[in-house]
């Protein structure tokens, strides 16, 4: 009886590989609260530049099953997660005073799921990669996360979502916790404020030194 149940379980799990999956994605980056941003105003724009909107195929080892896709807007999901993460770091997004924010451009280059072969087990891989640039500066950096898990049977839908969400969350953590990027963002904001401050100072000086009609120098 136990053998029959085991065979049925294997058949059921394998059958999942033939069923297309609409993945439910979420990102929950583990970011510690801090004031490193010191209230720096920022603006994040995310662009989905993946060559394929498919996340990959279900399966295990050399077996390639049905497609994994999502109906969600991954760019919007990433933007929301980055906004939450940077807020925890002390950056702000509310621009009620029409100030010039430091701009962060995020180009999502990869986010996929694929399998590889092994002797006794197969590999399930998830990968995410994004290019970060700060418009108006020379800063440009690639960030990437790749995870591998060894499996005997084809993972179910919930497991696939867990692996994809974990990888996306780790990518966000890598970006937000990069001190080099953080310093570049703060420096960019300081540089955008300097020209305006200088212009205001020059205006005050000009007003003070302007000739008054009827008064000889």
Protein backbone atom coordinates (compact mmCIF):
# COMPACT_ATOMS: atom_id res chain seq x y z
CA UNK A 1 0.00 0.00 0.00
CA UNK A 2 2.81 2.37 0.90
CA UNK A 3 4.50 1.68 -2.44
CA UNK A 4 1.29 2.48 -4.30
CA UNK A 5 0.89 5.77 -2.42
CA UNK A 6 4.52 6.69 -3.11
CA UNK A 7 4.07 6.03 -6.83
CA UNK A 8 0.87 8.09 -6.89
CA UNK A 9 2.65 10.94 -5.11
CA UNK A 10 5.48 10.91 -7.64
CA UNK A 11 3.02 10.90 -10.52
CA UNK A 12 1.08 13.78 -8.98
CA UNK A 13 4.22 15.87 -8.45
CA UNK A 14 5.46 15.13 -11.96
CA UNK A 15 2.09 16.09 -13.41
CA UNK A 16 2.56 19.59 -11.95
CA UNK A 17 5.39 20.12 -14.39
CA UNK A 18 2.93 19.98 -17.29
CA UNK A 19 0.68 22.66 -15.76
CA UNK A 20 1.54 26.28 -16.64
CA UNK A 21 2.07 28.41 -13.53
CA UNK A 22 0.95 31.98 -12.96
CA UNK A 23 3.36 32.91 -10.17
CA UNK A 24 2.25 35.18 -7.33
CA UNK A 25 5.25 37.37 -6.65
CA UNK A 26 6.17 39.46 -3.64
CA UNK A 27 9.37 40.94 -2.27
CA UNK A 28 10.14 41.30 1.43
CA UNK A 29 13.70 42.53 1.80
CA UNK A 30 15.24 42.31 5.26
CA UNK A 31 16.38 45.89 5.80
CA UNK A 32 17.29 47.26 9.24
CA UNK A 33 15.86 50.63 10.19
CA UNK A 34 18.48 53.39 10.21
CA UNK A 35 18.91 57.09 9.54
CA UNK A 36 21.76 56.75 7.06
CA UNK A 37 19.67 58.54 4.43
CA UNK A 38 19.24 61.50 6.79
CA UNK A 39 16.02 62.60 5.09
CA UNK A 40 17.58 62.73 1.61
CA UNK A 41 14.88 63.17 -1.02
CA UNK A 42 15.07 60.51 -3.75
CA UNK A 43 13.15 59.37 -6.81
CA UNK A 44 13.29 55.78 -8.08
CA UNK A 45 12.33 54.77 -11.61
CA UNK A 46 12.25 51.09 -12.58
CA UNK A 47 12.39 49.81 -16.16
CA UNK A 48 11.73 46.18 -17.07
CA UNK A 49 14.33 45.47 -19.75
CA UNK A 50 14.17 41.67 -19.76
CA UNK A 51 14.28 40.13 -23.22
CA UNK A 52 11.48 37.72 -22.29
CA UNK A 53 8.54 38.22 -19.96
CA UNK A 54 8.47 34.49 -19.20
CA UNK A 55 10.06 33.58 -15.87
CA UNK A 56 11.16 30.17 -17.14
CA UNK A 57 9.88 26.59 -17.22
CA UNK A 58 8.82 24.14 -14.56
CA UNK A 59 10.73 20.88 -14.34
CA UNK A 60 13.70 19.17 -12.78
CA UNK A 61 17.10 18.18 -14.15
CA UNK A 62 16.97 17.92 -17.96
CA UNK A 63 13.17 17.79 -17.97
CA UNK A 64 11.61 21.02 -19.30
CA UNK A 65 7.96 21.45 -18.40
CA UNK A 66 5.32 24.14 -18.73
CA UNK A 67 6.02 27.87 -18.62
CA UNK A 68 6.15 29.97 -15.47
CA UNK A 69 4.75 33.46 -16.03
CA UNK A 70 3.15 36.18 -13.93
CA UNK A 71 0.35 38.61 -14.58
CA UNK A 72 1.90 41.12 -12.19
CA UNK A 73 3.84 44.23 -13.19
CA UNK A 74 7.31 43.29 -11.96
CA UNK A 75 8.65 46.83 -12.46
CA UNK A 76 5.89 48.20 -10.21
CA UNK A 77 6.52 45.43 -7.67
CA UNK A 78 10.23 46.23 -7.61
CA UNK A 79 9.54 49.96 -7.30
CA UNK A 80 7.25 49.40 -4.32
CA UNK A 81 9.78 47.15 -2.59
CA UNK A 82 12.66 49.58 -3.16
CA UNK A 83 10.55 52.48 -1.88
CA UNK A 84 9.81 50.56 1.31
CA UNK A 85 13.46 49.52 1.72
CA UNK A 86 14.92 52.99 1.18
CA UNK A 87 12.35 54.52 3.54
CA UNK A 88 13.65 52.18 6.26
CA UNK A 89 17.14 53.54 5.57
CA UNK A 90 16.03 57.12 6.25
CA UNK A 91 15.45 58.34 2.68
CA UNK A 92 12.22 60.17 1.79
CA UNK A 93 10.01 60.23 -1.30
CA UNK A 94 7.47 62.94 -0.43
CA UNK A 95 8.27 65.96 -2.61
CA UNK A 96 5.66 68.40 -1.34
CA UNK A 97 8.08 71.36 -1.52
CA UNK A 98 8.97 70.76 -5.20
CA UNK A 99 12.60 70.11 -4.35
CA UNK A 100 14.99 68.37 -6.74
CA UNK A 101 15.37 64.71 -5.70
CA UNK A 102 18.35 62.45 -6.21
CA UNK A 103 17.37 60.19 -9.11
CA UNK A 104 17.89 56.43 -9.16
CA UNK A 105 17.33 54.45 -12.35
CA UNK A 106 16.82 50.70 -12.06
CA UNK A 107 16.98 48.55 -15.21
CA UNK A 108 15.82 44.99 -14.52
CA UNK A 109 17.87 42.81 -16.86
CA UNK A 110 17.11 39.29 -15.61
CA UNK A 111 14.60 37.52 -13.43
CA UNK A 112 14.23 33.87 -14.28
CA UNK A 113 13.93 30.26 -13.19
CA UNK A 114 15.73 27.36 -14.85
CA UNK A 115 16.91 23.81 -14.16
CA UNK A 116 20.14 21.84 -14.55
CA UNK A 117 21.10 18.17 -14.44
CA UNK A 118 22.93 16.27 -11.71
CA UNK A 119 23.85 12.66 -10.87
CA UNK A 120 21.15 11.93 -8.29
CA UNK A 121 19.37 15.26 -8.11
CA UNK A 122 18.48 18.13 -10.39
CA UNK A 123 19.24 21.79 -9.85
CA UNK A 124 16.60 24.48 -9.66
CA UNK A 125 18.11 27.92 -10.23
CA UNK A 126 16.65 31.38 -9.78
CA UNK A 127 18.47 34.50 -10.90
CA UNK A 128 17.81 38.23 -10.78
CA UNK A 129 20.01 41.03 -12.11
CA UNK A 130 19.60 44.78 -12.41
CA UNK A 131 21.70 47.75 -13.49
CA UNK A 132 21.59 50.79 -11.23
CA UNK A 133 22.57 54.22 -12.51
CA UNK A 134 22.28 57.73 -11.13
CA UNK A 135 21.37 60.13 -13.96
CA UNK A 136 23.71 63.10 -14.13
CA UNK A 137 26.57 61.18 -12.51
CA UNK A 138 29.05 58.55 -13.60
CA UNK A 139 27.71 55.94 -11.18
CA UNK A 140 26.64 52.71 -12.88
CA UNK A 141 26.68 49.27 -11.29
CA UNK A 142 25.33 45.78 -12.00
CA UNK A 143 23.80 43.79 -9.15
CA UNK A 144 22.98 40.09 -9.41
CA UNK A 145 21.76 37.24 -7.23
CA UNK A 146 21.67 33.58 -8.22
CA UNK A 147 20.41 30.73 -6.03
CA UNK A 148 20.50 26.98 -6.59
CA UNK A 149 18.52 24.26 -4.83
CA UNK A 150 18.98 20.51 -5.39
CA UNK A 151 15.75 18.56 -5.84
CA UNK A 152 14.70 15.00 -6.60
CA UNK A 153 11.15 15.74 -7.68
CA UNK A 154 9.60 18.61 -9.64
CA UNK A 155 8.91 21.48 -7.19
CA UNK A 156 5.31 22.55 -6.71
CA UNK A 157 3.92 26.00 -7.47
CA UNK A 158 4.32 27.32 -3.92
CA UNK A 159 7.97 26.21 -3.82
CA UNK A 160 8.66 27.90 -7.15
CA UNK A 161 7.14 31.15 -5.86
CA UNK A 162 9.17 30.89 -2.66
CA UNK A 163 12.41 30.56 -4.65
CA UNK A 164 11.57 33.42 -7.02
CA UNK A 165 10.46 35.76 -4.23
CA UNK A 166 13.52 34.97 -2.16
CA UNK A 167 15.83 35.82 -5.06
CA UNK A 168 14.05 39.11 -5.79
CA UNK A 169 14.19 40.06 -2.11
CA UNK A 170 17.92 39.30 -1.94
CA UNK A 171 18.54 41.49 -4.99
CA UNK A 172 16.79 44.41 -3.28
CA UNK A 173 18.86 43.86 -0.14
CA UNK A 174 22.07 43.84 -2.18
CA UNK A 175 21.16 47.13 -3.86
CA UNK A 176 19.90 49.01 -0.80
CA UNK A 177 22.70 47.82 1.49
CA UNK A 178 25.51 48.82 -0.90
CA UNK A 179 27.40 51.64 0.90
CA UNK A 180 28.99 52.82 -2.34
CA UNK A 181 25.58 53.37 -3.92
CA UNK A 182 24.21 54.98 -0.77
CA UNK A 183 27.07 57.49 -0.66
CA UNK A 184 26.65 58.24 -4.37
CA UNK A 185 22.94 58.96 -3.89
CA UNK A 186 23.61 61.35 -1.01
CA UNK A 187 26.41 63.07 -2.96
CA UNK A 188 24.15 63.43 -6.00
CA UNK A 189 21.53 65.17 -3.89
CA UNK A 190 24.12 67.52 -2.37
CA UNK A 191 25.41 68.41 -5.85
CA UNK A 192 21.90 69.21 -7.12
CA UNK A 193 21.41 71.63 -4.25
CA UNK A 194 24.75 73.47 -4.62
CA UNK A 195 24.03 75.28 -7.95
CA UNK A 196 20.73 76.65 -6.63
CA UNK A 197 22.35 77.78 -3.40
CA UNK A 198 25.10 79.56 -5.38
CA UNK A 199 22.54 81.23 -7.61
CA UNK A 200 20.67 82.53 -4.55
CA UNK A 201 23.91 83.85 -3.05
CA UNK A 202 24.82 85.57 -6.32
CA UNK A 203 21.37 87.13 -6.48
CA UNK A 204 21.73 88.55 -2.96
CA UNK A 205 25.19 89.93 -3.76
CA UNK A 206 23.90 91.49 -6.98
CA UNK A 207 21.05 93.17 -5.13
CA UNK A 208 23.40 94.51 -2.47
CA UNK A 209 25.84 95.94 -5.01
CA UNK A 210 23.30 97.30 -7.48
CA UNK A 211 23.64 101.08 -7.96
CA UNK A 212 20.92 103.23 -6.43
CA UNK A 213 19.63 106.03 -8.61
CA UNK A 214 20.84 109.43 -7.51
CA UNK A 215 23.59 108.07 -5.26
CA UNK A 216 27.17 108.59 -6.35
CA UNK A 217 29.76 105.85 -5.76
